[in-house]
Amino acid sequence: MAKPKPRWSQEVTEKSDALDLEPGVFTWKDPRRIARSLKRSADRSRRRKTTPFRSAMSMLTFYANRAGRGLAAADRRRLDQAKDELRALYGRSRRKPRR
């Protein structure tokens, strides 16, 4: 039996051309840890085509959108909190990042 071909969205998440993501980053329970990892990846990347903030936020949004209805409410809240943390880390909100 042939091995199923990975979905394009899975391949993008695992092998992004713009960011080198840590394995399992979107499954972590701490939104701040997710945001800090995405920031670190975006800041280090030399292949991205836009600002580090937009690259990191795009990857986070992409993951949440591709999961769609299959994403549990608690997971969606956690990813939304990670977005808020990412905005704070990049100074895009009034709230200061936690250290």
PDB file of N, CA and C in Angstrom:
ATOM      1  N   MET A   1       0.845  -1.178   0.000  1.00  0.00           N
ATOM      2  CA  MET A   1       0.000   0.000   0.000  1.00  0.00           C
ATOM      3  C   MET A   1       0.893   1.245   0.000  1.00  0.00           C
ATOM      4  N   ALA A   2       0.542   2.214  -0.797  1.00  0.00           N
ATOM      5  CA  ALA A   2       1.341   3.433  -0.916  1.00  0.00           C
ATOM      6  C   ALA A   2       1.200   4.306   0.321  1.00  0.00           C
ATOM      7  N   LYS A   3       2.292   4.940   0.685  1.00  0.00           N
ATOM      8  CA  LYS A   3       2.283   5.858   1.819  1.00  0.00           C
ATOM      9  C   LYS A   3       1.519   7.121   1.422  1.00  0.00           C
ATOM     10  N   PRO A   4       0.576   7.596   2.264  1.00  0.00           N
ATOM     11  CA  PRO A   4      -0.190   8.789   1.891  1.00  0.00           C
ATOM     12  C   PRO A   4       0.709  10.014   1.785  1.00  0.00           C
ATOM     13  N   LYS A   5       0.439  10.804   0.778  1.00  0.00           N
ATOM     14  CA  LYS A   5       1.211  12.032   0.555  1.00  0.00           C
ATOM     15  C   LYS A   5       0.806  13.074   1.599  1.00  0.00           C
ATOM     16  N   PRO A   6       1.779  13.746   2.235  1.00  0.00           N
ATOM     17  CA  PRO A   6       1.416  14.766   3.224  1.00  0.00           C
ATOM     18  C   PRO A   6       0.625  15.905   2.571  1.00  0.00           C
ATOM     19  N   ARG A   7      -0.269  16.455   3.313  1.00  0.00           N
ATOM     20  CA  ARG A   7      -1.037  17.593   2.814  1.00  0.00           C
ATOM     21  C   ARG A   7      -0.121  18.797   2.683  1.00  0.00           C
ATOM     22  N   TRP A   8      -0.447  19.678   1.746  1.00  0.00           N
ATOM     23  CA  TRP A   8       0.419  20.838   1.508  1.00  0.00           C
ATOM     24  C   TRP A   8       0.517  21.709   2.749  1.00  0.00           C
ATOM     25  N   SER A   9      -0.576  21.813   3.523  1.00  0.00           N
ATOM     26  CA  SER A   9      -0.534  22.655   4.718  1.00  0.00           C
ATOM     27  C   SER A   9       0.389  22.054   5.776  1.00  0.00           C
ATOM     28  N   GLN A  10       0.397  20.733   5.873  1.00  0.00           N
ATOM     29  CA  GLN A  10       1.301  20.070   6.812  1.00  0.00           C
ATOM     30  C   GLN A  10       2.746  20.298   6.388  1.00  0.00           C
ATOM     31  N   GLU A  11       2.986  20.211   5.103  1.00  0.00           N
ATOM     32  CA  GLU A  11       4.342  20.418   4.598  1.00  0.00           C
ATOM     33  C   GLU A  11       4.811  21.855   4.843  1.00  0.00           C
ATOM     34  N   VAL A  12       3.922  22.827   4.663  1.00  0.00           N
ATOM     35  CA  VAL A  12       4.281  24.226   4.916  1.00  0.00           C
ATOM     36  C   VAL A  12       4.629  24.420   6.382  1.00  0.00           C
ATOM     37  N   THR A  13       3.823  23.843   7.259  1.00  0.00           N
ATOM     38  CA  THR A  13       4.074  23.982   8.691  1.00  0.00           C
ATOM     39  C   THR A  13       5.400  23.345   9.085  1.00  0.00           C
ATOM     40  N   GLU A  14       5.691  22.188   8.521  1.00  0.00           N
ATOM     41  CA  GLU A  14       6.909  21.467   8.888  1.00  0.00           C
ATOM     42  C   GLU A  14       8.156  21.992   8.191  1.00  0.00           C
ATOM     43  N   LYS A  15       7.997  22.463   6.950  1.00  0.00           N
ATOM     44  CA  LYS A  15       9.161  22.840   6.152  1.00  0.00           C
ATOM     45  C   LYS A  15       9.002  24.241   5.560  1.00  0.00           C
ATOM     46  N   SER A  16       8.615  25.170   6.381  1.00  0.00           N
ATOM     47  CA  SER A  16       8.417  26.538   5.911  1.00  0.00           C
ATOM     48  C   SER A  16       9.691  27.068   5.266  1.00  0.00           C
ATOM     49  N   ASP A  17       9.531  27.744   4.144  1.00  0.00           N
ATOM     50  CA  ASP A  17      10.678  28.311   3.463  1.00  0.00           C
ATOM     51  C   ASP A  17      11.118  29.610   4.123  1.00  0.00           C
ATOM     52  N   ALA A  18      10.252  30.188   4.929  1.00  0.00           N
ATOM     53  CA  ALA A  18      10.579  31.473   5.544  1.00  0.00           C
ATOM     54  C   ALA A  18      11.103  31.331   6.969  1.00  0.00           C
ATOM     55  N   LEU A  19      10.607  30.356   7.691  1.00  0.00           N
ATOM     56  CA  LEU A  19      10.979  30.209   9.105  1.00  0.00           C
ATOM     57  C   LEU A  19      11.401  28.775   9.402  1.00  0.00           C
ATOM     58  N   ASP A  20      12.392  28.628  10.254  1.00  0.00           N
ATOM     59  CA  ASP A  20      12.775  27.324  10.772  1.00  0.00           C
ATOM     60  C   ASP A  20      12.105  27.165  12.128  1.00  0.00           C
ATOM     61  N   LEU A  21      10.971  26.468  12.137  1.00  0.00           N
ATOM     62  CA  LEU A  21      10.184  26.320  13.358  1.00  0.00           C
ATOM     63  C   LEU A  21      10.696  25.169  14.206  1.00  0.00           C
ATOM     64  N   GLU A  22      10.591  25.338  15.508  1.00  0.00           N
ATOM     65  CA  GLU A  22      10.921  24.250  16.411  1.00  0.00           C
ATOM     66  C   GLU A  22       9.838  23.179  16.276  1.00  0.00           C
ATOM     67  N   PRO A  23      10.222  21.906  16.352  1.00  0.00           N
ATOM     68  CA  PRO A  23       9.225  20.834  16.226  1.00  0.00           C
ATOM     69  C   PRO A  23       8.131  20.953  17.287  1.00  0.00           C
ATOM     70  N   GLY A  24       6.873  20.843  16.849  1.00  0.00           N
ATOM     71  CA  GLY A  24       5.747  20.854  17.769  1.00  0.00           C
ATOM     72  C   GLY A  24       5.422  22.188  18.400  1.00  0.00           C
ATOM     73  N   VAL A  25       5.936  23.272  17.835  1.00  0.00           N
ATOM     74  CA  VAL A  25       5.767  24.593  18.452  1.00  0.00           C
ATOM     75  C   VAL A  25       4.291  24.943  18.685  1.00  0.00           C
ATOM     76  N   PHE A  26       3.408  24.556  17.783  1.00  0.00           N
ATOM     77  CA  PHE A  26       2.004  24.934  17.912  1.00  0.00           C
ATOM     78  C   PHE A  26       1.242  24.056  18.897  1.00  0.00           C
ATOM     79  N   THR A  27       1.866  23.005  19.380  1.00  0.00           N
ATOM     80  CA  THR A  27       1.205  22.126  20.347  1.00  0.00           C
ATOM     81  C   THR A  27       1.591  22.455  21.780  1.00  0.00           C
ATOM     82  N   TRP A  28       2.534  23.347  21.969  1.00  0.00           N
ATOM     83  CA  TRP A  28       2.952  23.718  23.323  1.00  0.00           C
ATOM     84  C   TRP A  28       1.800  24.362  24.073  1.00  0.00           C
ATOM     85  N   LYS A  29       1.784  24.195  25.376  1.00  0.00           N
ATOM     86  CA  LYS A  29       0.685  24.700  26.214  1.00  0.00           C
ATOM     87  C   LYS A  29       0.857  26.158  26.631  1.00  0.00           C
ATOM     88  N   ASP A  30       2.070  26.680  26.595  1.00  0.00           N
ATOM     89  CA  ASP A  30       2.341  28.043  27.050  1.00  0.00           C
ATOM     90  C   ASP A  30       2.351  29.017  25.867  1.00  0.00           C
ATOM     91  N   PRO A  31       1.350  29.915  25.772  1.00  0.00           N
ATOM     92  CA  PRO A  31       1.287  30.858  24.651  1.00  0.00           C
ATOM     93  C   PRO A  31       2.530  31.747  24.552  1.00  0.00           C
ATOM     94  N   ARG A  32       3.085  32.117  25.689  1.00  0.00           N
ATOM     95  CA  ARG A  32       4.276  32.966  25.682  1.00  0.00           C
ATOM     96  C   ARG A  32       5.462  32.222  25.083  1.00  0.00           C
ATOM     97  N   ARG A  33       5.582  30.950  25.392  1.00  0.00           N
ATOM     98  CA  ARG A  33       6.669  30.139  24.831  1.00  0.00           C
ATOM     99  C   ARG A  33       6.513  30.009  23.312  1.00  0.00           C
ATOM    100  N   ILE A  34       5.287  29.828  22.845  1.00  0.00           N
ATOM    101  CA  ILE A  34       5.023  29.749  21.406  1.00  0.00           C
ATOM    102  C   ILE A  34       5.449  31.054  20.736  1.00  0.00           C
ATOM    103  N   ALA A  35       5.009  32.175  21.299  1.00  0.00           N
ATOM    104  CA  ALA A  35       5.321  33.484  20.724  1.00  0.00           C
ATOM    105  C   ALA A  35       6.819  33.749  20.717  1.00  0.00           C
ATOM    106  N   ARG A  36       7.495  33.414  21.794  1.00  0.00           N
ATOM    107  CA  ARG A  36       8.939  33.651  21.862  1.00  0.00           C
ATOM    108  C   ARG A  36       9.681  32.796  20.842  1.00  0.00           C
ATOM    109  N   SER A  37       9.223  31.566  20.640  1.00  0.00           N
ATOM    110  CA  SER A  37       9.852  30.687  19.656  1.00  0.00           C
ATOM    111  C   SER A  37       9.644  31.229  18.237  1.00  0.00           C
ATOM    112  N   LEU A  38       8.422  31.661  17.935  1.00  0.00           N
ATOM    113  CA  LEU A  38       8.150  32.230  16.609  1.00  0.00           C
ATOM    114  C   LEU A  38       8.961  33.499  16.378  1.00  0.00           C
ATOM    115  N   LYS A  39       9.071  34.332  17.396  1.00  0.00           N
ATOM    116  CA  LYS A  39       9.864  35.562  17.278  1.00  0.00           C
ATOM    117  C   LYS A  39      11.329  35.224  17.006  1.00  0.00           C
ATOM    118  N   ARG A  40      11.841  34.277  17.762  1.00  0.00           N
ATOM    119  CA  ARG A  40      13.244  33.872  17.591  1.00  0.00           C
ATOM    120  C   ARG A  40      13.473  33.352  16.165  1.00  0.00           C
ATOM    121  N   SER A  41      12.561  32.523  15.672  1.00  0.00           N
ATOM    122  CA  SER A  41      12.686  31.974  14.318  1.00  0.00           C
ATOM    123  C   SER A  41      12.615  33.069  13.266  1.00  0.00           C
ATOM    124  N   ALA A  42      11.671  33.986  13.426  1.00  0.00           N
ATOM    125  CA  ALA A  42      11.498  35.056  12.448  1.00  0.00           C
ATOM    126  C   ALA A  42      12.674  36.027  12.457  1.00  0.00           C
ATOM    127  N   ASP A  43      13.183  36.341  13.645  1.00  0.00           N
ATOM    128  CA  ASP A  43      14.315  37.264  13.740  1.00  0.00           C
ATOM    129  C   ASP A  43      15.581  36.675  13.128  1.00  0.00           C
ATOM    130  N   ARG A  44      15.751  35.374  13.223  1.00  0.00           N
ATOM    131  CA  ARG A  44      16.956  34.717  12.711  1.00  0.00           C
ATOM    132  C   ARG A  44      16.898  34.422  11.216  1.00  0.00           C
ATOM    133  N   SER A  45      15.688  34.352  10.672  1.00  0.00           N
ATOM    134  CA  SER A  45      15.522  33.932   9.281  1.00  0.00           C
ATOM    135  C   SER A  45      16.108  34.940   8.301  1.00  0.00           C
ATOM    136  N   ARG A  46      16.785  34.421   7.298  1.00  0.00           N
ATOM    137  CA  ARG A  46      17.307  35.254   6.208  1.00  0.00           C
ATOM    138  C   ARG A  46      16.512  35.016   4.926  1.00  0.00           C
ATOM    139  N   ARG A  47      15.537  34.102   4.987  1.00  0.00           N
ATOM    140  CA  ARG A  47      14.768  33.749   3.792  1.00  0.00           C
ATOM    141  C   ARG A  47      13.398  34.407   3.741  1.00  0.00           C
ATOM    142  N   ARG A  48      13.002  35.077   4.807  1.00  0.00           N
ATOM    143  CA  ARG A  48      11.667  35.668   4.834  1.00  0.00           C
ATOM    144  C   ARG A  48      11.577  36.829   3.850  1.00  0.00           C
ATOM    145  N   LYS A  49      10.348  37.092   3.419  1.00  0.00           N
ATOM    146  CA  LYS A  49      10.130  38.126   2.408  1.00  0.00           C
ATOM    147  C   LYS A  49       9.496  39.386   2.981  1.00  0.00           C
ATOM    148  N   THR A  50       9.277  39.414   4.273  1.00  0.00           N
ATOM    149  CA  THR A  50       8.659  40.572   4.921  1.00  0.00           C
ATOM    150  C   THR A  50       9.299  40.764   6.297  1.00  0.00           C
ATOM    151  N   THR A  51       8.705  41.607   7.110  1.00  0.00           N
ATOM    152  CA  THR A  51       9.278  41.877   8.429  1.00  0.00           C
ATOM    153  C   THR A  51       9.171  40.634   9.320  1.00  0.00           C
ATOM    154  N   PRO A  52      10.021  40.541  10.328  1.00  0.00           N
ATOM    155  CA  PRO A  52       9.935  39.392  11.232  1.00  0.00           C
ATOM    156  C   PRO A  52       8.557  39.260  11.896  1.00  0.00           C
ATOM    157  N   PHE A  53       7.980  40.388  12.305  1.00  0.00           N
ATOM    158  CA  PHE A  53       6.662  40.340  12.943  1.00  0.00           C
ATOM    159  C   PHE A  53       5.626  39.725  12.016  1.00  0.00           C
ATOM    160  N   ARG A  54       5.587  40.182  10.784  1.00  0.00           N
ATOM    161  CA  ARG A  54       4.583  39.674   9.839  1.00  0.00           C
ATOM    162  C   ARG A  54       4.811  38.213   9.507  1.00  0.00           C
ATOM    163  N   SER A  55       6.072  37.799   9.406  1.00  0.00           N
ATOM    164  CA  SER A  55       6.359  36.388   9.129  1.00  0.00           C
ATOM    165  C   SER A  55       5.877  35.499  10.271  1.00  0.00           C
ATOM    166  N   ALA A  56       6.181  35.890  11.495  1.00  0.00           N
ATOM    167  CA  ALA A  56       5.783  35.101  12.658  1.00  0.00           C
ATOM    168  C   ALA A  56       4.263  35.066  12.803  1.00  0.00           C
ATOM    169  N   MET A  57       3.619  36.218  12.666  1.00  0.00           N
ATOM    170  CA  MET A  57       2.167  36.287  12.802  1.00  0.00           C
ATOM    171  C   MET A  57       1.488  35.502  11.681  1.00  0.00           C
ATOM    172  N   SER A  58       2.033  35.575  10.480  1.00  0.00           N
ATOM    173  CA  SER A  58       1.461  34.838   9.357  1.00  0.00           C
ATOM    174  C   SER A  58       1.506  33.334   9.595  1.00  0.00           C
ATOM    175  N   MET A  59       2.604  32.847  10.121  1.00  0.00           N
ATOM    176  CA  MET A  59       2.720  31.416  10.374  1.00  0.00           C
ATOM    177  C   MET A  59       1.734  30.975  11.457  1.00  0.00           C
ATOM    178  N   LEU A  60       1.575  31.775  12.476  1.00  0.00           N
ATOM    179  CA  LEU A  60       0.635  31.459  13.554  1.00  0.00           C
ATOM    180  C   LEU A  60      -0.805  31.473  13.038  1.00  0.00           C
ATOM    181  N   THR A  61      -1.141  32.470  12.272  1.00  0.00           N
ATOM    182  CA  THR A  61      -2.482  32.574  11.695  1.00  0.00           C
ATOM    183  C   THR A  61      -2.734  31.439  10.711  1.00  0.00           C
ATOM    184  N   PHE A  62      -1.733  31.137   9.899  1.00  0.00           N
ATOM    185  CA  PHE A  62      -1.847  30.048   8.934  1.00  0.00           C
ATOM    186  C   PHE A  62      -2.196  28.739   9.644  1.00  0.00           C
ATOM    187  N   TYR A  63      -1.476  28.444  10.704  1.00  0.00           N
ATOM    188  CA  TYR A  63      -1.724  27.197  11.435  1.00  0.00           C
ATOM    189  C   TYR A  63      -3.147  27.170  11.989  1.00  0.00           C
ATOM    190  N   ALA A  64      -3.575  28.245  12.617  1.00  0.00           N
ATOM    191  CA  ALA A  64      -4.915  28.300  13.214  1.00  0.00           C
ATOM    192  C   ALA A  64      -5.996  28.172  12.135  1.00  0.00           C
ATOM    193  N   ASN A  65      -5.801  28.831  11.003  1.00  0.00           N
ATOM    194  CA  ASN A  65      -6.792  28.772   9.926  1.00  0.00           C
ATOM    195  C   ASN A  65      -6.860  27.393   9.287  1.00  0.00           C
ATOM    196  N   ARG A  66      -5.714  26.757   9.101  1.00  0.00           N
ATOM    197  CA  ARG A  66      -5.708  25.436   8.473  1.00  0.00           C
ATOM    198  C   ARG A  66      -6.336  24.390   9.388  1.00  0.00           C
ATOM    199  N   ALA A  67      -6.225  24.562  10.687  1.00  0.00           N
ATOM    200  CA  ALA A  67      -6.834  23.612  11.621  1.00  0.00           C
ATOM    201  C   ALA A  67      -8.355  23.725  11.577  1.00  0.00           C
ATOM    202  N   GLY A  68      -8.853  24.925  11.318  1.00  0.00           N
ATOM    203  CA  GLY A  68     -10.285  25.150  11.147  1.00  0.00           C
ATOM    204  C   GLY A  68     -11.122  24.677  12.302  1.00  0.00           C
ATOM    205  N   ARG A  69     -12.224  24.016  11.982  1.00  0.00           N
ATOM    206  CA  ARG A  69     -13.161  23.553  13.006  1.00  0.00           C
ATOM    207  C   ARG A  69     -12.593  22.427  13.850  1.00  0.00           C
ATOM    208  N   GLY A  70     -11.553  21.778  13.359  1.00  0.00           N
ATOM    209  CA  GLY A  70     -10.952  20.680  14.094  1.00  0.00           C
ATOM    210  C   GLY A  70     -10.141  21.132  15.297  1.00  0.00           C
ATOM    211  N   LEU A  71      -9.908  22.427  15.403  1.00  0.00           N
ATOM    212  CA  LEU A  71      -9.130  22.973  16.512  1.00  0.00           C
ATOM    213  C   LEU A  71     -10.046  23.177  17.722  1.00  0.00           C
ATOM    214  N   ALA A  72      -9.690  22.566  18.818  1.00  0.00           N
ATOM    215  CA  ALA A  72     -10.499  22.685  20.037  1.00  0.00           C
ATOM    216  C   ALA A  72     -10.543  24.143  20.497  1.00  0.00           C
ATOM    217  N   ALA A  73     -11.602  24.505  21.180  1.00  0.00           N
ATOM    218  CA  ALA A  73     -11.772  25.886  21.648  1.00  0.00           C
ATOM    219  C   ALA A  73     -10.612  26.312  22.548  1.00  0.00           C
ATOM    220  N   ALA A  74     -10.158  25.414  23.403  1.00  0.00           N
ATOM    221  CA  ALA A  74      -9.040  25.742  24.297  1.00  0.00           C
ATOM    222  C   ALA A  74      -7.756  25.992  23.499  1.00  0.00           C
ATOM    223  N   ASP A  75      -7.555  25.214  22.452  1.00  0.00           N
ATOM    224  CA  ASP A  75      -6.373  25.398  21.610  1.00  0.00           C
ATOM    225  C   ASP A  75      -6.448  26.717  20.840  1.00  0.00           C
ATOM    226  N   ARG A  76      -7.642  27.049  20.360  1.00  0.00           N
ATOM    227  CA  ARG A  76      -7.803  28.317  19.644  1.00  0.00           C
ATOM    228  C   ARG A  76      -7.532  29.500  20.573  1.00  0.00           C
ATOM    229  N   ARG A  77      -8.017  29.417  21.821  1.00  0.00           N
ATOM    230  CA  ARG A  77      -7.741  30.474  22.805  1.00  0.00           C
ATOM    231  C   ARG A  77      -6.249  30.594  23.066  1.00  0.00           C
ATOM    232  N   ARG A  78      -5.581  29.441  23.179  1.00  0.00           N
ATOM    233  CA  ARG A  78      -4.139  29.432  23.434  1.00  0.00           C
ATOM    234  C   ARG A  78      -3.387  30.085  22.274  1.00  0.00           C
ATOM    235  N   LEU A  79      -3.785  29.805  21.041  1.00  0.00           N
ATOM    236  CA  LEU A  79      -3.130  30.408  19.884  1.00  0.00           C
ATOM    237  C   LEU A  79      -3.449  31.904  19.784  1.00  0.00           C
ATOM    238  N   ASP A  80      -4.666  32.291  20.154  1.00  0.00           N
ATOM    239  CA  ASP A  80      -5.007  33.721  20.174  1.00  0.00           C
ATOM    240  C   ASP A  80      -4.186  34.449  21.244  1.00  0.00           C
ATOM    241  N   GLN A  81      -3.968  33.795  22.374  1.00  0.00           N
ATOM    242  CA  GLN A  81      -3.122  34.386  23.409  1.00  0.00           C
ATOM    243  C   GLN A  81      -1.681  34.496  22.910  1.00  0.00           C
ATOM    244  N   ALA A  82      -1.243  33.512  22.127  1.00  0.00           N
ATOM    245  CA  ALA A  82       0.111  33.563  21.556  1.00  0.00           C
ATOM    246  C   ALA A  82       0.228  34.744  20.595  1.00  0.00           C
ATOM    247  N   LYS A  83      -0.839  35.040  19.862  1.00  0.00           N
ATOM    248  CA  LYS A  83      -0.830  36.215  18.974  1.00  0.00           C
ATOM    249  C   LYS A  83      -0.670  37.494  19.789  1.00  0.00           C
ATOM    250  N   ASP A  84      -1.408  37.584  20.902  1.00  0.00           N
ATOM    251  CA  ASP A  84      -1.288  38.767  21.766  1.00  0.00           C
ATOM    252  C   ASP A  84       0.128  38.893  22.311  1.00  0.00           C
ATOM    253  N   GLU A  85       0.711  37.774  22.721  1.00  0.00           N
ATOM    254  CA  GLU A  85       2.087  37.782  23.232  1.00  0.00           C
ATOM    255  C   GLU A  85       3.063  38.222  22.137  1.00  0.00           C
ATOM    256  N   LEU A  86       2.844  37.732  20.922  1.00  0.00           N
ATOM    257  CA  LEU A  86       3.716  38.089  19.804  1.00  0.00           C
ATOM    258  C   LEU A  86       3.626  39.588  19.515  1.00  0.00           C
ATOM    259  N   ARG A  87       2.413  40.119  19.530  1.00  0.00           N
ATOM    260  CA  ARG A  87       2.249  41.567  19.329  1.00  0.00           C
ATOM    261  C   ARG A  87       3.000  42.349  20.404  1.00  0.00           C
ATOM    262  N   ALA A  88       2.889  41.888  21.638  1.00  0.00           N
ATOM    263  CA  ALA A  88       3.562  42.574  22.744  1.00  0.00           C
ATOM    264  C   ALA A  88       5.086  42.485  22.598  1.00  0.00           C
ATOM    265  N   LEU A  89       5.582  41.328  22.195  1.00  0.00           N
ATOM    266  CA  LEU A  89       7.031  41.158  22.027  1.00  0.00           C
ATOM    267  C   LEU A  89       7.594  42.088  20.958  1.00  0.00           C
ATOM    268  N   TYR A  90       6.789  42.369  19.940  1.00  0.00           N
ATOM    269  CA  TYR A  90       7.230  43.253  18.864  1.00  0.00           C
ATOM    270  C   TYR A  90       6.800  44.706  19.083  1.00  0.00           C
ATOM    271  N   GLY A  91       6.223  44.990  20.240  1.00  0.00           N
ATOM    272  CA  GLY A  91       5.816  46.363  20.530  1.00  0.00           C
ATOM    273  C   GLY A  91       4.646  46.839  19.690  1.00  0.00           C
ATOM    274  N   ARG A  92       3.778  45.930  19.308  1.00  0.00           N
ATOM    275  CA  ARG A  92       2.630  46.268  18.473  1.00  0.00           C
ATOM    276  C   ARG A  92       1.347  46.419  19.271  1.00  0.00           C
ATOM    277  N   SER A  93       1.465  46.420  20.581  1.00  0.00           N
ATOM    278  CA  SER A  93       0.279  46.599  21.419  1.00  0.00           C
ATOM    279  C   SER A  93       0.649  47.480  22.600  1.00  0.00           C
ATOM    280  N   ARG A  94      -0.342  47.877  23.343  1.00  0.00           N
ATOM    281  CA  ARG A  94      -0.092  48.727  24.506  1.00  0.00           C
ATOM    282  C   ARG A  94       0.460  47.920  25.672  1.00  0.00           C
ATOM    283  N   ARG A  95       0.140  46.637  25.679  1.00  0.00           N
ATOM    284  CA  ARG A  95       0.554  45.764  26.765  1.00  0.00           C
ATOM    285  C   ARG A  95       2.041  45.436  26.634  1.00  0.00           C
ATOM    286  N   LYS A  96       2.724  45.424  27.726  1.00  0.00           N
ATOM    287  CA  LYS A  96       4.158  45.092  27.751  1.00  0.00           C
ATOM    288  C   LYS A  96       4.325  43.572  27.805  1.00  0.00           C
ATOM    289  N   PRO A  97       5.344  43.033  27.144  1.00  0.00           N
ATOM    290  CA  PRO A  97       5.556  41.591  27.211  1.00  0.00           C
ATOM    291  C   PRO A  97       5.992  41.152  28.602  1.00  0.00           C
ATOM    292  N   ARG A  98       5.547  39.973  28.999  1.00  0.00           N
ATOM    293  CA  ARG A  98       6.009  39.411  30.264  1.00  0.00           C
ATOM    294  C   ARG A  98       7.392  38.848  30.061  1.00  0.00           C
ATOM    295  N   ARG A  99       8.201  38.895  31.068  1.00  0.00           N
ATOM    296  CA  ARG A  99       9.559  38.350  30.934  1.00  0.00           C
ATOM    297  C   ARG A  99       9.761  37.128  31.746  1.00  0.00           C
TER     298      ARG A  99
END
